[in-house]
Amino acid sequence: MADEPGRSLHPNPLPQAGEGTNESLRELHINLPLAGLHIVVTRPREQAAGLIQRIERLGGNALPFSLLEIEAVPDAQALRRQLSRLEQTDLAIFISPNAVRYGMAAIAAAGGLPPMLQIATVGQGSARALQEHGVARVIVPAERFDSEGLLAMPELQDVGGKRVMILRGDGGRELLGDTLGARGATVEYVTCYLRRKHDLDVGMLRAARADAITVTSSEALAHLWEMLEGTELAGTALFVPHPRIAELAQNQGWTNIVVTESGDDGLIASLVAWAHTDRK
């Protein structure tokens, strides 16, 4: 991809043609496998920093383009009152790292976690966030990191008569609550943060001539497609962490979709493998 005037590139440029260029390129692609690639990171700003740093350490040029912003709920007292009912709850499920962040802050303000409460989550990132808050025992899937994976866990089979709280953002899938309700549990949803579409200059995305775009939620992907108003970037490599998001992307018209393993490790591994294959 040719450089454009005024375009900000990573400080590790590709070597110029000349003697030893092929060897230098091979060494560069081993040490900086993402060198010269422009990769769009669409996560909310407060969650994007770690991924951006890892992309840039591998030579890539990361373009922040946060499609959604995360906000606290406006009525913090009402949230604390709802969470005070954890004393009568058997199981609390945190849907995301944001649910952990905002939920645990409200729980601390409401008096802390009851000692006998079981804690579960759908993914490793949320489990790590809970451990950082001092929650040592977390029910989390070992393989499939979604509602289906959590519902397959032995601890969530015999829930008849139990009270379950599901901590999440506003809206989202109902599968987890519906299934636990069908198994006999009493389910209560707790909205502990809000997702808001971020007003963005889509012209900046077009001008970036991205090699790859990373999208980590169906809601963010829907917002992106709505802003693009068509398929102009549909051939750009799109990296998503779940088959459900990939299915939405395919239905929208994206033609170069890469499904990654979960978390930053899975995304980075897929970016590196794709960059290596693309340059062969």
Protein backbone atom coordinates (compact mmCIF):
# COMPACT_ATOMS: atom_id res chain seq x y z
CA MET A 1 0.00 0.00 0.00
CA ALA A 2 1.47 3.34 -1.03
CA ASP A 3 2.06 5.97 1.65
CA GLU A 4 -0.07 9.10 1.44
CA PRO A 5 1.10 12.65 2.24
CA GLY A 6 0.40 13.55 5.84
CA ARG A 7 -0.48 10.00 6.80
CA SER A 8 0.84 8.88 10.18
CA LEU A 9 2.74 5.61 9.90
CA HIS A 10 4.43 3.44 12.49
CA PRO A 11 8.02 4.60 13.21
CA ASN A 12 9.42 1.28 11.91
CA PRO A 13 9.36 1.78 8.11
CA LEU A 14 9.76 -0.97 5.57
CA PRO A 15 13.32 -1.09 4.18
CA GLN A 16 13.96 0.48 0.78
CA ALA A 17 14.78 -1.69 -2.20
CA GLY A 18 18.44 -2.55 -2.60
CA GLU A 19 21.04 -5.08 -1.63
CA GLY A 20 19.88 -7.28 1.23
CA THR A 21 16.27 -6.09 0.98
CA ASN A 22 14.77 -9.60 0.94
CA GLU A 23 16.72 -10.67 4.00
CA SER A 24 15.87 -7.44 5.81
CA LEU A 25 12.20 -7.91 4.99
CA ARG A 26 12.24 -11.47 6.31
CA GLU A 27 13.83 -10.31 9.58
CA LEU A 28 11.38 -7.42 9.83
CA HIS A 29 8.36 -9.66 9.35
CA ILE A 30 9.64 -12.06 12.01
CA ASN A 31 10.35 -9.35 14.60
CA LEU A 32 7.56 -6.96 13.58
CA PRO A 33 5.01 -9.17 11.82
CA LEU A 34 2.43 -6.38 11.49
CA ALA A 35 4.86 -3.81 10.07
CA GLY A 36 3.31 -1.48 7.52
CA LEU A 37 -0.26 -2.65 8.17
CA HIS A 38 -3.04 -0.24 9.11
CA ILE A 39 -5.42 -1.89 11.58
CA VAL A 40 -8.64 -0.29 12.83
CA VAL A 41 -9.53 -0.89 16.50
CA THR A 42 -13.24 -0.28 17.12
CA ARG A 43 -13.45 -1.04 20.83
CA PRO A 44 -14.67 1.59 23.32
CA ARG A 45 -11.80 3.97 24.07
CA GLU A 46 -11.23 2.85 27.64
CA GLN A 47 -10.86 -0.78 26.51
CA ALA A 48 -8.80 -0.19 23.37
CA ALA A 49 -5.46 0.91 24.82
CA GLY A 50 -4.02 -2.54 25.52
CA LEU A 51 -4.85 -3.89 22.06
CA ILE A 52 -3.51 -0.76 20.37
CA GLN A 53 -0.21 -1.09 22.26
CA ARG A 54 0.17 -4.73 21.28
CA ILE A 55 -0.52 -4.00 17.60
CA GLU A 56 2.03 -1.19 17.61
CA ARG A 57 4.66 -3.27 19.43
CA LEU A 58 4.37 -5.72 16.53
CA GLY A 59 4.95 -2.93 14.01
CA GLY A 60 1.36 -2.19 13.03
CA ASN A 61 -0.26 1.21 12.79
CA ALA A 62 -3.39 1.05 14.98
CA LEU A 63 -6.22 3.45 14.18
CA PRO A 64 -8.64 3.99 17.12
CA PHE A 65 -12.22 4.20 15.87
CA SER A 66 -14.48 3.51 18.85
CA LEU A 67 -17.94 2.59 17.60
CA LEU A 68 -19.55 2.45 21.05
CA GLU A 69 -19.00 4.33 24.28
CA ILE A 70 -19.63 2.86 27.73
CA GLU A 71 -21.41 4.95 30.35
CA ALA A 72 -22.53 4.48 33.94
CA VAL A 73 -26.27 4.22 34.56
CA PRO A 74 -27.79 7.57 35.51
CA ASP A 75 -29.45 6.37 38.73
CA ALA A 76 -26.63 4.90 40.82
CA GLN A 77 -28.83 4.66 43.93
CA ALA A 78 -31.41 2.51 42.15
CA LEU A 79 -28.63 0.21 40.94
CA ARG A 80 -27.27 -0.16 44.47
CA ARG A 81 -30.76 -0.90 45.81
CA GLN A 82 -31.21 -3.63 43.23
CA LEU A 83 -27.81 -5.13 43.98
CA SER A 84 -28.54 -5.16 47.70
CA ARG A 85 -30.83 -8.11 46.87
CA LEU A 86 -27.72 -10.20 46.21
CA GLU A 87 -28.13 -11.29 49.84
CA GLN A 88 -31.14 -13.35 48.69
CA THR A 89 -29.48 -14.48 45.44
CA ASP A 90 -27.80 -17.83 44.77
CA LEU A 91 -25.90 -17.03 41.57
CA ALA A 92 -24.64 -13.80 39.99
CA ILE A 93 -23.57 -13.86 36.34
CA PHE A 94 -21.37 -11.11 34.89
CA ILE A 95 -21.81 -10.86 31.12
CA SER A 96 -18.72 -8.78 30.28
CA PRO A 97 -15.67 -6.99 31.73
CA ASN A 98 -17.78 -3.82 31.75
CA ALA A 99 -20.38 -5.62 33.85
CA VAL A 100 -17.58 -6.50 36.26
CA ARG A 101 -16.22 -2.97 36.33
CA TYR A 102 -19.49 -1.14 36.90
CA GLY A 103 -21.24 -3.94 38.74
CA MET A 104 -18.49 -4.54 41.27
CA ALA A 105 -18.21 -0.80 41.98
CA ALA A 106 -21.93 -0.67 42.75
CA ILE A 107 -21.74 -3.90 44.77
CA ALA A 108 -18.93 -2.47 46.87
CA ALA A 109 -21.04 0.64 47.51
CA ALA A 110 -23.98 -1.59 48.46
CA GLY A 111 -21.96 -3.53 51.04
CA GLY A 112 -19.95 -6.08 49.05
CA LEU A 113 -20.50 -9.60 47.75
CA PRO A 114 -22.28 -12.05 50.07
CA PRO A 115 -19.80 -14.78 51.06
CA MET A 116 -21.97 -17.71 49.89
CA LEU A 117 -22.90 -16.21 46.51
CA GLN A 118 -21.79 -18.20 43.46
CA ILE A 119 -20.21 -16.13 40.69
CA ALA A 120 -20.15 -16.98 36.98
CA THR A 121 -19.22 -15.31 33.72
CA VAL A 122 -19.13 -16.16 30.03
CA GLY A 123 -15.50 -15.35 29.20
CA GLN A 124 -11.91 -15.41 30.39
CA GLY A 125 -11.57 -11.62 30.23
CA SER A 126 -14.45 -11.18 32.65
CA ALA A 127 -13.07 -13.96 34.86
CA ARG A 128 -9.71 -12.17 35.06
CA ALA A 129 -11.47 -8.91 35.88
CA LEU A 130 -13.37 -10.63 38.70
CA GLN A 131 -10.15 -12.11 40.07
CA GLU A 132 -8.65 -8.62 40.09
CA HIS A 133 -11.57 -7.65 42.34
CA GLY A 134 -10.72 -10.47 44.73
CA VAL A 135 -13.20 -13.08 43.46
CA ALA A 136 -11.16 -16.28 43.56
CA ARG A 137 -13.76 -18.85 42.46
CA VAL A 138 -15.53 -18.12 39.17
CA ILE A 139 -17.63 -20.48 37.05
CA VAL A 140 -16.43 -19.91 33.49
CA PRO A 141 -16.53 -22.06 30.33
CA ALA A 142 -13.33 -23.84 29.41
CA GLU A 143 -13.86 -23.68 25.65
CA ARG A 144 -16.86 -21.85 24.21
CA PHE A 145 -16.94 -18.35 25.71
CA ASP A 146 -20.56 -17.28 25.32
CA SER A 147 -23.99 -17.90 26.82
CA GLU A 148 -24.18 -21.34 25.24
CA GLY A 149 -20.82 -22.29 26.74
CA LEU A 150 -21.83 -21.15 30.21
CA LEU A 151 -25.20 -22.90 30.00
CA ALA A 152 -23.39 -26.17 29.29
CA MET A 153 -21.46 -25.97 32.58
CA PRO A 154 -22.49 -28.56 35.21
CA GLU A 155 -23.09 -25.85 37.82
CA LEU A 156 -25.89 -24.34 35.73
CA GLN A 157 -27.87 -27.52 35.11
CA ASP A 158 -29.77 -28.02 38.38
CA VAL A 159 -30.96 -24.48 39.11
CA GLY A 160 -34.59 -25.19 39.98
CA GLY A 161 -35.75 -22.85 42.76
CA LYS A 162 -32.57 -20.76 42.68
CA ARG A 163 -32.44 -16.99 42.34
CA VAL A 164 -30.11 -15.69 39.61
CA MET A 165 -28.97 -12.15 38.85
CA ILE A 166 -27.51 -11.39 35.41
CA LEU A 167 -25.36 -8.25 35.39
CA ARG A 168 -25.03 -6.71 31.94
CA GLY A 169 -25.36 -3.57 29.82
CA ASP A 170 -28.64 -2.24 28.50
CA GLY A 171 -30.21 -4.80 26.19
CA GLY A 172 -28.50 -7.87 24.78
CA ARG A 173 -29.33 -11.52 24.20
CA GLU A 174 -32.01 -13.14 26.35
CA LEU A 175 -30.86 -16.74 25.82
CA LEU A 176 -29.10 -17.07 29.17
CA GLY A 177 -32.00 -15.78 31.25
CA ASP A 178 -34.65 -17.58 29.20
CA THR A 179 -32.83 -20.92 29.48
CA LEU A 180 -32.18 -20.62 33.21
CA GLY A 181 -35.83 -19.64 33.69
CA ALA A 182 -36.90 -22.72 31.74
CA ARG A 183 -34.70 -24.78 34.06
CA GLY A 184 -36.65 -23.47 37.05
CA ALA A 185 -34.59 -20.50 38.21
CA THR A 186 -35.94 -17.06 39.08
CA VAL A 187 -33.96 -14.64 36.91
CA GLU A 188 -33.43 -10.92 37.42
CA TYR A 189 -31.53 -8.71 34.98
CA VAL A 190 -29.34 -5.90 36.33
CA THR A 191 -28.39 -3.11 33.93
CA CYS A 192 -25.16 -1.78 35.38
CA TYR A 193 -23.85 0.19 32.38
CA LEU A 194 -25.08 1.72 29.13
CA ARG A 195 -23.79 1.41 25.56
CA ARG A 196 -24.05 4.48 23.36
CA LYS A 197 -23.34 4.80 19.66
CA HIS A 198 -20.39 7.10 19.13
CA ASP A 199 -20.72 9.87 16.54
CA LEU A 200 -17.73 9.43 14.25
CA ASP A 201 -16.33 10.90 11.06
CA VAL A 202 -16.63 7.93 8.72
CA GLY A 203 -14.52 9.87 6.22
CA MET A 204 -11.55 9.32 8.52
CA LEU A 205 -12.08 5.56 8.23
CA ARG A 206 -12.32 5.75 4.46
CA ALA A 207 -9.17 7.90 4.24
CA ALA A 208 -7.19 5.48 6.41
CA ARG A 209 -7.30 2.79 3.69
CA ALA A 210 -7.25 0.15 6.41
CA ASP A 211 -5.79 -3.27 5.79
CA ALA A 212 -7.87 -4.80 8.61
CA ILE A 213 -10.75 -3.85 10.89
CA THR A 214 -11.33 -5.45 14.29
CA VAL A 215 -14.89 -5.59 15.66
CA THR A 216 -15.76 -7.33 18.92
CA SER A 217 -19.57 -7.08 19.18
CA SER A 218 -22.58 -7.49 16.94
CA GLU A 219 -23.93 -4.12 18.06
CA ALA A 220 -20.70 -2.38 17.05
CA LEU A 221 -20.70 -4.14 13.68
CA ALA A 222 -24.29 -3.08 13.01
CA HIS A 223 -23.38 0.53 13.83
CA LEU A 224 -20.35 0.36 11.51
CA TRP A 225 -22.41 -0.97 8.61
CA GLU A 226 -25.04 1.69 9.19
CA MET A 227 -22.39 4.43 9.00
CA LEU A 228 -20.78 2.99 5.88
CA GLU A 229 -24.15 2.92 4.08
CA GLY A 230 -23.12 0.09 1.79
CA THR A 231 -20.37 -2.28 0.87
CA GLU A 232 -17.51 0.10 0.05
CA LEU A 233 -15.19 -1.49 2.64
CA ALA A 234 -16.73 -4.96 2.49
CA GLY A 235 -13.56 -6.47 1.03
CA THR A 236 -11.37 -5.28 3.90
CA ALA A 237 -10.22 -8.06 6.24
CA LEU A 238 -12.66 -8.10 9.16
CA PHE A 239 -11.55 -9.77 12.41
CA VAL A 240 -14.32 -10.87 14.80
CA PRO A 241 -14.13 -13.07 17.94
CA HIS A 242 -17.32 -15.11 17.54
CA PRO A 243 -19.14 -17.07 14.82
CA ARG A 244 -22.35 -15.17 15.64
CA ILE A 245 -20.68 -11.85 14.72
CA ALA A 246 -19.19 -13.48 11.61
CA GLU A 247 -22.66 -14.61 10.54
CA LEU A 248 -23.97 -11.05 10.85
CA ALA A 249 -20.97 -9.78 8.85
CA GLN A 250 -21.59 -12.32 6.11
CA ASN A 251 -25.25 -11.34 5.92
CA GLN A 252 -24.24 -7.69 5.65
CA GLY A 253 -21.94 -8.43 2.73
CA TRP A 254 -18.41 -8.59 4.13
CA THR A 255 -16.33 -10.96 2.02
CA ASN A 256 -13.07 -11.37 3.97
CA ILE A 257 -14.03 -12.44 7.50
CA VAL A 258 -11.59 -13.95 10.01
CA VAL A 259 -13.00 -15.53 13.18
CA THR A 260 -10.45 -15.29 15.99
CA GLU A 261 -10.06 -16.98 19.34
CA SER A 262 -11.37 -14.95 22.28
CA GLY A 263 -9.52 -12.06 23.93
CA ASP A 264 -6.56 -9.98 22.83
CA ASP A 265 -4.34 -13.06 22.56
CA GLY A 266 -6.66 -14.67 20.04
CA LEU A 267 -7.04 -11.48 18.03
CA ILE A 268 -3.31 -10.80 17.89
CA ALA A 269 -2.53 -14.40 16.93
CA SER A 270 -5.01 -14.21 14.05
CA LEU A 271 -3.66 -10.85 12.86
CA VAL A 272 -0.10 -12.19 12.82
CA ALA A 273 -1.11 -15.40 11.00
CA TRP A 274 -3.12 -13.41 8.45
CA ALA A 275 -0.27 -10.94 7.88
CA HIS A 276 2.18 -13.80 7.34
CA THR A 277 -0.13 -15.54 4.85
CA ASP A 278 -1.02 -12.31 3.06
CA ARG A 279 2.64 -11.50 2.43
CA LYS A 280 3.66 -14.86 1.01
